[in-house]
Structure formats: C-alpha cells, structure tokens
C-alpha cells in the first residue's frame, strides 16, 4: 500500500496514476473527502488529513508500505517560512509514528543552496527528512515544464510571453510532471535503499526562447519571449497579490546567476524522457481560447 499526499495536484496525481497502472494499491491522502471521490472511483483507499495535522497524518500513513510526501506549495511564504516549519514538524511526527518501510519526499533542484530564496522551504524540509530513522529518498526534480501553463493565454492572444529567466536564450534544467510521476512511483517500490538523494532532470535544458518556439509551433502563430526587467519584479509581484515577493525574486536570481543548480556529488542523477513539445501540445489542448 502506497500512501500518496498531494494526490489532487498534478505531481501527486501523476505518481498515483503511475502506481495504479502498475497494479499497485494506493491510499489517497486528502483534506476534503469530496476531492477524493474521483480517486476512490479508481480503486484508491481514502484517508483524511491536512499537512499540518500530525495525528491525522499518522493515521493516514498507518499500515502503508511506502509514503509519498509532497509538501504543500507556499508561493508567498511569511518571513522565516513558518508554513514549511509547521508542515515539517507534523510530517516528522507522523512518519516516526507510522514508520513505513519507505518514504519518498519531493524536494527541488537547488535545495542545497546556501542563499535564502523561495526554495529554502525545501531546505528546511530536507533537514527534517534526513534525520528520520527510515529509508528515505529525497527526490529533487528540476523546474517543472508545466509552469508555462500560465503563459498559454498570453502566447495565444498577444504573441508574446513574459520571461523571468534571462537572458531569454538561457537554458535551465526542466522536467515534465509525467517523468516525476514515473520516477517517484519506481522509487516507492524500491526496497532497502537507505537514505539517498535522486536528482531528476528532463531530456534537455530549456530556455524561454525554446518555450516560445514550442508555443509558436503548437498555436500556429509567431510567439516571442520578452524579458521582464528585474527592477520591476517587486512592484509587479505585489500588484499580483504577493505580500513577500523577495523569496521569489531571489529564486529567479538563483536560476539566472547559476547558484540554483543540481548538487551532483553523491546524488543519483536520473533523466526524464518527455520532451518540451509534448508538454506544450498538451497544455495548449487543455486551455481553449478565451
């Protein structure tokens, strides 16, 4: 039995679907029973727990052979990352109580970076996971290709997408969620691996210009990437509702300056197979014109 947190999101859902295709038993850990109905219809068990409720998480993980830990995304964290600290404490208690045979924890590229940024939430999480007396695999994927879903409308209607990765021909590691789901499912089924870090990249690095070209091909119209001047990021992000944009800005700086990268060393490198064009075609099909 594999207990999957974050199953209603794109990554957790990809992991669960991959396990179900392989004939594995899945327990869907959800906050809302209504959101779990679709997974129950696919044959999953349901367990109710929020990611800051240690007792409920322990019950949800009880009896599971493996647990997939997907920390709740916090894109506008308060100073000091209290949200990540609360979730880490709850997960630590739950996993020590339930003691599954295997744990796969989703982290990120750059979690080892010393500079504070949005991804430092994962650095805090990794400190907790690494201290667990369990077989723990920390999975560090690169930038999600699916993040470009927010650019589809701009590409379709304006022929341009905003680029925060700069210059626009700068290529950075990116991976599709389908590859994350496939790799995470495999890791959940691998027994006796001890503690390890797996770094997951896509088949090739990707730049904003590459994304624009793929969108142009999929939409049948010219699309270009336009660099958004860094001097305006703070005001722009605040206008979009962010209260604390500095961590996000520093994360983007990390990619642009090269200090957010894979750690290498003792980490195990894995490469995905899903190309950028396949993800773009899927996203364009999922998002009809407005």
C-alpha atoms as a PDB file:
ATOM      1  CA  UNK A   1       0.000   0.000   0.000  1.00  0.00           C
ATOM      2  CA  UNK A   2       1.355   3.389  -1.054  1.00  0.00           C
ATOM      3  CA  UNK A   3       0.032   6.474   0.783  1.00  0.00           C
ATOM      4  CA  UNK A   4       0.161   9.489  -1.532  1.00  0.00           C
ATOM      5  CA  UNK A   5      -0.077  13.064  -0.274  1.00  0.00           C
ATOM      6  CA  UNK A   6      -0.853  15.894  -2.686  1.00  0.00           C
ATOM      7  CA  UNK A   7      -2.770  13.467  -4.874  1.00  0.00           C
ATOM      8  CA  UNK A   8      -5.227  16.124  -6.077  1.00  0.00           C
ATOM      9  CA  UNK A   9      -2.350  18.119  -7.600  1.00  0.00           C
ATOM     10  CA  UNK A  10      -0.505  17.472 -10.830  1.00  0.00           C
ATOM     11  CA  UNK A  11       2.573  15.782  -9.324  1.00  0.00           C
ATOM     12  CA  UNK A  12       0.823  13.673  -6.679  1.00  0.00           C
ATOM     13  CA  UNK A  13      -1.785  12.701  -9.245  1.00  0.00           C
ATOM     14  CA  UNK A  14       0.907  11.642 -11.702  1.00  0.00           C
ATOM     15  CA  UNK A  15       2.524   9.446  -9.048  1.00  0.00           C
ATOM     16  CA  UNK A  16      -0.776   7.799  -8.129  1.00  0.00           C
ATOM     17  CA  UNK A  17      -1.794   7.144 -11.729  1.00  0.00           C
ATOM     18  CA  UNK A  18       1.562   5.535 -12.455  1.00  0.00           C
ATOM     19  CA  UNK A  19       1.197   3.249  -9.435  1.00  0.00           C
ATOM     20  CA  UNK A  20      -2.348   2.278 -10.383  1.00  0.00           C
ATOM     21  CA  UNK A  21      -1.253   1.440 -13.928  1.00  0.00           C
ATOM     22  CA  UNK A  22       1.341  -0.898 -12.397  1.00  0.00           C
ATOM     23  CA  UNK A  23      -1.362  -2.640 -10.358  1.00  0.00           C
ATOM     24  CA  UNK A  24      -0.244  -1.201  -7.027  1.00  0.00           C
ATOM     25  CA  UNK A  25      -2.589  -0.348  -4.149  1.00  0.00           C
ATOM     26  CA  UNK A  26      -2.901   3.364  -3.424  1.00  0.00           C
ATOM     27  CA  UNK A  27      -4.204   5.295  -0.431  1.00  0.00           C
ATOM     28  CA  UNK A  28      -5.186   8.848  -1.343  1.00  0.00           C
ATOM     29  CA  UNK A  29      -4.423  11.291   1.474  1.00  0.00           C
ATOM     30  CA  UNK A  30      -6.741  14.281   1.005  1.00  0.00           C
ATOM     31  CA  UNK A  31      -8.002  17.179   3.093  1.00  0.00           C
ATOM     32  CA  UNK A  32     -11.503  17.052   1.617  1.00  0.00           C
ATOM     33  CA  UNK A  33     -13.426  13.820   1.089  1.00  0.00           C
ATOM     34  CA  UNK A  34     -15.240  15.305  -1.908  1.00  0.00           C
ATOM     35  CA  UNK A  35     -11.931  15.885  -3.684  1.00  0.00           C
ATOM     36  CA  UNK A  36     -11.037  12.250  -3.071  1.00  0.00           C
ATOM     37  CA  UNK A  37     -14.130  10.771  -4.703  1.00  0.00           C
ATOM     38  CA  UNK A  38     -12.561  10.567  -8.151  1.00  0.00           C
ATOM     39  CA  UNK A  39      -9.630   8.617  -6.683  1.00  0.00           C
ATOM     40  CA  UNK A  40     -11.945   6.342  -4.750  1.00  0.00           C
ATOM     41  CA  UNK A  41     -13.718   5.593  -8.018  1.00  0.00           C
ATOM     42  CA  UNK A  42     -10.361   4.428  -9.402  1.00  0.00           C
ATOM     43  CA  UNK A  43      -9.985   1.977  -6.523  1.00  0.00           C
ATOM     44  CA  UNK A  44      -7.942   4.024  -4.055  1.00  0.00           C
ATOM     45  CA  UNK A  45      -8.467   3.980  -0.323  1.00  0.00           C
ATOM     46  CA  UNK A  46      -9.183   7.414   1.157  1.00  0.00           C
ATOM     47  CA  UNK A  47      -7.586   8.945   4.250  1.00  0.00           C
ATOM     48  CA  UNK A  48      -8.409  12.437   5.506  1.00  0.00           C
ATOM     49  CA  UNK A  49      -5.565  14.629   6.767  1.00  0.00           C
ATOM     50  CA  UNK A  50      -4.172  18.105   6.313  1.00  0.00           C
ATOM     51  CA  UNK A  51      -0.426  18.539   6.085  1.00  0.00           C
ATOM     52  CA  UNK A  52      -0.202  20.368   9.414  1.00  0.00           C
ATOM     53  CA  UNK A  53      -2.192  17.774  11.397  1.00  0.00           C
ATOM     54  CA  UNK A  54       0.366  15.333  12.790  1.00  0.00           C
ATOM     55  CA  UNK A  55      -2.166  12.946  14.356  1.00  0.00           C
ATOM     56  CA  UNK A  56      -4.305  12.724  11.218  1.00  0.00           C
ATOM     57  CA  UNK A  57      -1.226  12.185   9.053  1.00  0.00           C
ATOM     58  CA  UNK A  58      -0.034   9.392  11.320  1.00  0.00           C
ATOM     59  CA  UNK A  59      -3.391   7.655  10.910  1.00  0.00           C
ATOM     60  CA  UNK A  60      -3.266   8.184   7.150  1.00  0.00           C
ATOM     61  CA  UNK A  61       0.213   6.636   6.934  1.00  0.00           C
ATOM     62  CA  UNK A  62      -0.518   3.761   9.337  1.00  0.00           C
ATOM     63  CA  UNK A  63      -0.066   0.376   7.666  1.00  0.00           C
ATOM     64  CA  UNK A  64       1.333   1.833   4.439  1.00  0.00           C
ATOM     65  CA  UNK A  65       4.397   0.180   2.945  1.00  0.00           C
ATOM     66  CA  UNK A  66       5.532   3.475   1.433  1.00  0.00           C
ATOM     67  CA  UNK A  67       4.612   7.146   1.692  1.00  0.00           C
ATOM     68  CA  UNK A  68       4.993   9.861  -0.925  1.00  0.00           C
ATOM     69  CA  UNK A  69       5.481  13.210   0.779  1.00  0.00           C
ATOM     70  CA  UNK A  70       4.577  16.276  -1.247  1.00  0.00           C
ATOM     71  CA  UNK A  71       4.839  19.408   0.913  1.00  0.00           C
ATOM     72  CA  UNK A  72       2.014  21.891   0.326  1.00  0.00           C
ATOM     73  CA  UNK A  73       3.222  24.614  -2.056  1.00  0.00           C
ATOM     74  CA  UNK A  74       3.543  28.049  -0.470  1.00  0.00           C
ATOM     75  CA  UNK A  75       4.329  30.632  -3.141  1.00  0.00           C
ATOM     76  CA  UNK A  76       4.137  33.674  -0.856  1.00  0.00           C
ATOM     77  CA  UNK A  77       5.616  32.482   2.446  1.00  0.00           C
ATOM     78  CA  UNK A  78       5.814  34.624   5.557  1.00  0.00           C
ATOM     79  CA  UNK A  79       9.308  35.607   6.756  1.00  0.00           C
ATOM     80  CA  UNK A  80      11.135  32.662   8.289  1.00  0.00           C
ATOM     81  CA  UNK A  81       8.971  30.131   6.416  1.00  0.00           C
ATOM     82  CA  UNK A  82       6.618  29.274   9.328  1.00  0.00           C
ATOM     83  CA  UNK A  83       4.315  27.348   6.989  1.00  0.00           C
ATOM     84  CA  UNK A  84       7.106  24.981   5.931  1.00  0.00           C
ATOM     85  CA  UNK A  85       8.281  24.566   9.510  1.00  0.00           C
ATOM     86  CA  UNK A  86       4.785  23.595  10.683  1.00  0.00           C
ATOM     87  CA  UNK A  87       4.355  21.055   7.897  1.00  0.00           C
ATOM     88  CA  UNK A  88       7.826  19.626   8.519  1.00  0.00           C
ATOM     89  CA  UNK A  89       7.098  19.146  12.218  1.00  0.00           C
ATOM     90  CA  UNK A  90       3.770  17.424  11.504  1.00  0.00           C
ATOM     91  CA  UNK A  91       5.331  15.120   8.911  1.00  0.00           C
ATOM     92  CA  UNK A  92       8.225  14.280  11.197  1.00  0.00           C
ATOM     93  CA  UNK A  93       5.848  13.172  13.956  1.00  0.00           C
ATOM     94  CA  UNK A  94       3.577  11.257  11.583  1.00  0.00           C
ATOM     95  CA  UNK A  95       6.355   9.349   9.837  1.00  0.00           C
ATOM     96  CA  UNK A  96       8.112   8.473  13.099  1.00  0.00           C
ATOM     97  CA  UNK A  97       4.790   7.190  14.436  1.00  0.00           C
ATOM     98  CA  UNK A  98       3.663   5.213  11.367  1.00  0.00           C
ATOM     99  CA  UNK A  99       7.185   4.001  10.415  1.00  0.00           C
ATOM    100  CA  UNK A 100       6.544   3.000   6.790  1.00  0.00           C
ATOM    101  CA  UNK A 101       9.178   0.854   5.116  1.00  0.00           C
ATOM    102  CA  UNK A 102       9.966   3.549   2.542  1.00  0.00           C
ATOM    103  CA  UNK A 103       9.470   7.295   2.185  1.00  0.00           C
ATOM    104  CA  UNK A 104       9.913   9.341  -0.985  1.00  0.00           C
ATOM    105  CA  UNK A 105       9.946  13.092  -0.337  1.00  0.00           C
ATOM    106  CA  UNK A 106       9.563  15.630  -3.133  1.00  0.00           C
ATOM    107  CA  UNK A 107      12.129  18.409  -2.844  1.00  0.00           C
ATOM    108  CA  UNK A 108      13.633  20.544  -5.592  1.00  0.00           C
ATOM    109  CA  UNK A 109      16.723  21.394  -7.572  1.00  0.00           C
ATOM    110  CA  UNK A 110      18.782  23.872  -5.553  1.00  0.00           C
ATOM    111  CA  UNK A 111      17.620  22.705  -2.130  1.00  0.00           C
ATOM    112  CA  UNK A 112      21.289  22.674  -1.095  1.00  0.00           C
ATOM    113  CA  UNK A 113      21.779  26.386  -1.913  1.00  0.00           C
ATOM    114  CA  UNK A 114      23.068  28.468   0.990  1.00  0.00           C
ATOM    115  CA  UNK A 115      21.377  31.668  -0.222  1.00  0.00           C
ATOM    116  CA  UNK A 116      17.850  32.231   1.120  1.00  0.00           C
ATOM    117  CA  UNK A 117      15.159  32.065  -1.546  1.00  0.00           C
ATOM    118  CA  UNK A 118      11.719  30.565  -2.179  1.00  0.00           C
ATOM    119  CA  UNK A 119      13.185  27.060  -2.431  1.00  0.00           C
ATOM    120  CA  UNK A 120      14.699  27.340   1.056  1.00  0.00           C
ATOM    121  CA  UNK A 121      11.415  25.903   2.304  1.00  0.00           C
ATOM    122  CA  UNK A 122      12.611  22.599   0.857  1.00  0.00           C
ATOM    123  CA  UNK A 123      15.996  23.019   2.517  1.00  0.00           C
ATOM    124  CA  UNK A 124      14.207  23.121   5.873  1.00  0.00           C
ATOM    125  CA  UNK A 125      12.151  20.074   4.931  1.00  0.00           C
ATOM    126  CA  UNK A 126      15.235  18.116   3.874  1.00  0.00           C
ATOM    127  CA  UNK A 127      16.864  18.724   7.255  1.00  0.00           C
ATOM    128  CA  UNK A 128      13.897  17.009   8.916  1.00  0.00           C
ATOM    129  CA  UNK A 129      13.654  14.172   6.389  1.00  0.00           C
ATOM    130  CA  UNK A 130      17.367  13.401   6.586  1.00  0.00           C
ATOM    131  CA  UNK A 131      17.079  12.813  10.330  1.00  0.00           C
ATOM    132  CA  UNK A 132      14.267  10.255  10.063  1.00  0.00           C
ATOM    133  CA  UNK A 133      15.185   6.702  11.174  1.00  0.00           C
ATOM    134  CA  UNK A 134      13.696   5.319   7.952  1.00  0.00           C
ATOM    135  CA  UNK A 135      14.596   4.512   4.351  1.00  0.00           C
ATOM    136  CA  UNK A 136      14.194   7.980   2.839  1.00  0.00           C
ATOM    137  CA  UNK A 137      14.668   9.030  -0.766  1.00  0.00           C
ATOM    138  CA  UNK A 138      14.738  12.769  -1.396  1.00  0.00           C
ATOM    139  CA  UNK A 139      13.669  13.426  -4.986  1.00  0.00           C
ATOM    140  CA  UNK A 140      14.929  16.731  -6.378  1.00  0.00           C
ATOM    141  CA  UNK A 141      13.320  17.490  -9.740  1.00  0.00           C
ATOM    142  CA  UNK A 142      14.275  20.452 -11.886  1.00  0.00           C
ATOM    143  CA  UNK A 143      11.957  23.342 -12.842  1.00  0.00           C
ATOM    144  CA  UNK A 144       8.546  21.983 -13.883  1.00  0.00           C
ATOM    145  CA  UNK A 145       7.867  22.454 -17.601  1.00  0.00           C
ATOM    146  CA  UNK A 146       4.166  22.684 -16.717  1.00  0.00           C
ATOM    147  CA  UNK A 147       4.780  26.060 -15.078  1.00  0.00           C
ATOM    148  CA  UNK A 148       4.449  27.508 -18.564  1.00  0.00           C
ATOM    149  CA  UNK A 149       0.700  26.812 -18.465  1.00  0.00           C
ATOM    150  CA  UNK A 150       0.246  30.398 -17.219  1.00  0.00           C
ATOM    151  CA  UNK A 151       1.814  31.701 -20.456  1.00  0.00           C
ATOM    152  CA  UNK A 152      -0.501  29.945 -22.893  1.00  0.00           C
ATOM    153  CA  UNK A 153      -3.141  32.679 -22.982  1.00  0.00           C
ATOM    154  CA  UNK A 154      -0.527  35.406 -23.498  1.00  0.00           C
ATOM    155  CA  UNK A 155       1.077  33.418 -26.294  1.00  0.00           C
ATOM    156  CA  UNK A 156      -2.257  32.784 -27.970  1.00  0.00           C
ATOM    157  CA  UNK A 157      -3.668  36.290 -27.643  1.00  0.00           C
ATOM    158  CA  UNK A 158      -0.600  38.543 -27.692  1.00  0.00           C
ATOM    159  CA  UNK A 159       2.096  36.506 -29.418  1.00  0.00           C
ATOM    160  CA  UNK A 160       4.483  37.083 -26.512  1.00  0.00           C
ATOM    161  CA  UNK A 161       5.272  35.509 -23.143  1.00  0.00           C
ATOM    162  CA  UNK A 162       6.929  37.211 -20.147  1.00  0.00           C
ATOM    163  CA  UNK A 163      10.382  35.850 -19.316  1.00  0.00           C
ATOM    164  CA  UNK A 164      11.880  35.995 -15.838  1.00  0.00           C
ATOM    165  CA  UNK A 165      14.623  33.546 -16.806  1.00  0.00           C
ATOM    166  CA  UNK A 166      17.125  35.852 -18.502  1.00  0.00           C
ATOM    167  CA  UNK A 167      18.605  36.307 -20.990  1.00  0.00           C
ATOM    168  CA  UNK A 168      15.795  34.641 -22.883  1.00  0.00           C
ATOM    169  CA  UNK A 169      18.165  32.169 -24.507  1.00  0.00           C
ATOM    170  CA  UNK A 170      19.412  30.966 -21.077  1.00  0.00           C
ATOM    171  CA  UNK A 171      18.699  27.257 -20.761  1.00  0.00           C
ATOM    172  CA  UNK A 172      17.984  25.763 -17.340  1.00  0.00           C
ATOM    173  CA  UNK A 173      17.085  22.217 -16.259  1.00  0.00           C
ATOM    174  CA  UNK A 174      13.365  21.471 -16.725  1.00  0.00           C
ATOM    175  CA  UNK A 175      11.325  18.283 -16.399  1.00  0.00           C
ATOM    176  CA  UNK A 176       7.741  17.172 -17.114  1.00  0.00           C
ATOM    177  CA  UNK A 177       5.456  16.075 -14.297  1.00  0.00           C
ATOM    178  CA  UNK A 178       4.845  12.812 -16.156  1.00  0.00           C
ATOM    179  CA  UNK A 179       8.515  11.975 -15.650  1.00  0.00           C
ATOM    180  CA  UNK A 180       8.320  12.948 -11.972  1.00  0.00           C
ATOM    181  CA  UNK A 181       5.344  10.632 -11.526  1.00  0.00           C
ATOM    182  CA  UNK A 182       7.083   7.743 -13.278  1.00  0.00           C
ATOM    183  CA  UNK A 183      10.325   8.099 -11.343  1.00  0.00           C
ATOM    184  CA  UNK A 184       8.645   8.663  -7.974  1.00  0.00           C
ATOM    185  CA  UNK A 185       6.454   5.582  -8.443  1.00  0.00           C
ATOM    186  CA  UNK A 186       9.519   3.478  -9.192  1.00  0.00           C
ATOM    187  CA  UNK A 187      11.320   4.813  -6.129  1.00  0.00           C
ATOM    188  CA  UNK A 188       8.323   3.999  -3.928  1.00  0.00           C
ATOM    189  CA  UNK A 189       8.575   0.366  -4.980  1.00  0.00           C
ATOM    190  CA  UNK A 190      12.345   0.015  -4.422  1.00  0.00           C
ATOM    191  CA  UNK A 191      13.062  -1.588  -1.056  1.00  0.00           C
ATOM    192  CA  UNK A 192      16.178  -1.337   1.072  1.00  0.00           C
ATOM    193  CA  UNK A 193      17.772   1.731  -0.487  1.00  0.00           C
ATOM    194  CA  UNK A 194      18.588   3.538   2.771  1.00  0.00           C
ATOM    195  CA  UNK A 195      18.961   7.298   2.590  1.00  0.00           C
ATOM    196  CA  UNK A 196      19.661   8.852  -0.777  1.00  0.00           C
ATOM    197  CA  UNK A 197      19.136  11.908  -2.971  1.00  0.00           C
ATOM    198  CA  UNK A 198      17.899  11.497  -6.534  1.00  0.00           C
ATOM    199  CA  UNK A 199      18.192  14.462  -8.903  1.00  0.00           C
ATOM    200  CA  UNK A 200      15.731  14.354 -11.799  1.00  0.00           C
ATOM    201  CA  UNK A 201      16.302  16.351 -14.976  1.00  0.00           C
ATOM    202  CA  UNK A 202      14.435  16.376 -18.277  1.00  0.00           C
ATOM    203  CA  UNK A 203      15.828  15.193 -21.607  1.00  0.00           C
ATOM    204  CA  UNK A 204      17.301  18.639 -22.373  1.00  0.00           C
ATOM    205  CA  UNK A 205      17.611  22.070 -20.717  1.00  0.00           C
ATOM    206  CA  UNK A 206      15.035  24.663 -21.785  1.00  0.00           C
ATOM    207  CA  UNK A 207      15.081  28.435 -22.297  1.00  0.00           C
ATOM    208  CA  UNK A 208      12.227  30.963 -22.609  1.00  0.00           C
ATOM    209  CA  UNK A 209      13.084  31.186 -26.312  1.00  0.00           C
ATOM    210  CA  UNK A 210      12.646  27.405 -26.579  1.00  0.00           C
ATOM    211  CA  UNK A 211       9.263  27.660 -24.852  1.00  0.00           C
ATOM    212  CA  UNK A 212       8.192  30.461 -27.184  1.00  0.00           C
ATOM    213  CA  UNK A 213       9.223  28.414 -30.224  1.00  0.00           C
ATOM    214  CA  UNK A 214       7.291  25.378 -28.973  1.00  0.00           C
ATOM    215  CA  UNK A 215       4.209  27.512 -28.317  1.00  0.00           C
ATOM    216  CA  UNK A 216       4.538  29.047 -31.776  1.00  0.00           C
ATOM    217  CA  UNK A 217       4.567  25.585 -33.315  1.00  0.00           C
ATOM    218  CA  UNK A 218       1.602  24.371 -31.269  1.00  0.00           C
ATOM    219  CA  UNK A 219      -0.510  27.501 -31.780  1.00  0.00           C
ATOM    220  CA  UNK A 220       0.359  28.086 -35.418  1.00  0.00           C
ATOM    221  CA  UNK A 221       1.355  31.715 -34.835  1.00  0.00           C
ATOM    222  CA  UNK A 222       4.609  33.564 -34.039  1.00  0.00           C
ATOM    223  CA  UNK A 223       5.396  33.743 -30.335  1.00  0.00           C
ATOM    224  CA  UNK A 224       8.360  35.513 -28.744  1.00  0.00           C
ATOM    225  CA  UNK A 225       9.778  35.648 -25.212  1.00  0.00           C
ATOM    226  CA  UNK A 226      10.063  39.139 -23.713  1.00  0.00           C
ATOM    227  CA  UNK A 227      12.375  39.701 -20.758  1.00  0.00           C
ATOM    228  CA  UNK A 228      10.674  41.393 -17.800  1.00  0.00           C
ATOM    229  CA  UNK A 229      13.144  43.919 -16.315  1.00  0.00           C
ATOM    230  CA  UNK A 230      14.249  42.838 -12.852  1.00  0.00           C
ATOM    231  CA  UNK A 231      13.820  46.351 -11.483  1.00  0.00           C
ATOM    232  CA  UNK A 232      10.060  45.970 -11.890  1.00  0.00           C
ATOM    233  CA  UNK A 233       9.633  42.492 -10.392  1.00  0.00           C
ATOM    234  CA  UNK A 234       8.844  43.614  -6.848  1.00  0.00           C
ATOM    235  CA  UNK A 235       6.100  46.018  -7.918  1.00  0.00           C
ATOM    236  CA  UNK A 236       4.720  43.510 -10.430  1.00  0.00           C
ATOM    237  CA  UNK A 237       4.528  40.641  -7.942  1.00  0.00           C
ATOM    238  CA  UNK A 238       2.949  42.889  -5.313  1.00  0.00           C
ATOM    239  CA  UNK A 239       0.349  44.032  -7.845  1.00  0.00           C
ATOM    240  CA  UNK A 240      -0.482  40.359  -8.360  1.00  0.00           C
ATOM    241  CA  UNK A 241      -1.234  39.981  -4.653  1.00  0.00           C
ATOM    242  CA  UNK A 242       2.087  38.848  -3.168  1.00  0.00           C
ATOM    243  CA  UNK A 243       2.950  40.264   0.262  1.00  0.00           C
ATOM    244  CA  UNK A 244       6.508  38.940   0.452  1.00  0.00           C
ATOM    245  CA  UNK A 245       7.951  38.785  -3.095  1.00  0.00           C
ATOM    246  CA  UNK A 246      11.632  38.779  -2.072  1.00  0.00           C
ATOM    247  CA  UNK A 247      11.974  34.938  -1.795  1.00  0.00           C
ATOM    248  CA  UNK A 248      10.517  34.514  -5.282  1.00  0.00           C
ATOM    249  CA  UNK A 249      12.812  37.189  -6.684  1.00  0.00           C
ATOM    250  CA  UNK A 250      15.839  35.561  -5.102  1.00  0.00           C
ATOM    251  CA  UNK A 251      14.819  32.174  -6.509  1.00  0.00           C
ATOM    252  CA  UNK A 252      14.733  33.658 -10.014  1.00  0.00           C
ATOM    253  CA  UNK A 253      18.101  35.304  -9.339  1.00  0.00           C
ATOM    254  CA  UNK A 254      19.427  31.884  -8.365  1.00  0.00           C
ATOM    255  CA  UNK A 255      18.482  30.366 -11.707  1.00  0.00           C
ATOM    256  CA  UNK A 256      19.737  33.372 -13.654  1.00  0.00           C
ATOM    257  CA  UNK A 257      23.020  33.592 -11.737  1.00  0.00           C
ATOM    258  CA  UNK A 258      23.578  29.832 -11.716  1.00  0.00           C
ATOM    259  CA  UNK A 259      23.646  29.141  -7.971  1.00  0.00           C
ATOM    260  CA  UNK A 260      20.375  27.238  -8.090  1.00  0.00           C
ATOM    261  CA  UNK A 261      21.549  24.054  -9.764  1.00  0.00           C
ATOM    262  CA  UNK A 262      21.853  20.328  -9.168  1.00  0.00           C
ATOM    263  CA  UNK A 263      24.232  19.424  -6.366  1.00  0.00           C
ATOM    264  CA  UNK A 264      25.810  16.397  -8.026  1.00  0.00           C
ATOM    265  CA  UNK A 265      28.359  14.601  -5.882  1.00  0.00           C
ATOM    266  CA  UNK A 266      26.806  11.623  -4.145  1.00  0.00           C
ATOM    267  CA  UNK A 267      23.340  12.344  -5.542  1.00  0.00           C
ATOM    268  CA  UNK A 268      21.965   9.872  -8.098  1.00  0.00           C
ATOM    269  CA  UNK A 269      21.202  11.550 -11.453  1.00  0.00           C
ATOM    270  CA  UNK A 270      18.119  10.441 -13.403  1.00  0.00           C
ATOM    271  CA  UNK A 271      16.947  11.828 -16.732  1.00  0.00           C
ATOM    272  CA  UNK A 272      13.339  12.029 -17.893  1.00  0.00           C
ATOM    273  CA  UNK A 273      12.179  11.341 -21.422  1.00  0.00           C
ATOM    274  CA  UNK A 274       9.224  13.702 -22.022  1.00  0.00           C
ATOM    275  CA  UNK A 275      10.193  16.495 -24.454  1.00  0.00           C
ATOM    276  CA  UNK A 276       9.108  20.119 -24.151  1.00  0.00           C
ATOM    277  CA  UNK A 277       6.972  19.904 -27.304  1.00  0.00           C
ATOM    278  CA  UNK A 278       4.791  17.133 -25.853  1.00  0.00           C
ATOM    279  CA  UNK A 279       4.020  19.148 -22.719  1.00  0.00           C
ATOM    280  CA  UNK A 280       3.272  22.295 -24.714  1.00  0.00           C
ATOM    281  CA  UNK A 281       0.893  20.473 -27.039  1.00  0.00           C
ATOM    282  CA  UNK A 282      -0.919  19.014 -24.049  1.00  0.00           C
ATOM    283  CA  UNK A 283      -1.226  22.376 -22.296  1.00  0.00           C
ATOM    284  CA  UNK A 284      -2.436  24.127 -25.435  1.00  0.00           C
ATOM    285  CA  UNK A 285      -5.088  21.441 -25.858  1.00  0.00           C
ATOM    286  CA  UNK A 286      -6.145  21.741 -22.215  1.00  0.00           C
ATOM    287  CA  UNK A 287      -6.534  25.504 -22.403  1.00  0.00           C
ATOM    288  CA  UNK A 288      -9.049  26.573 -25.074  1.00  0.00           C
ATOM    289  CA  UNK A 289      -9.126  30.195 -26.310  1.00  0.00           C
ATOM    290  CA  UNK A 290     -10.903  32.680 -24.041  1.00  0.00           C
END
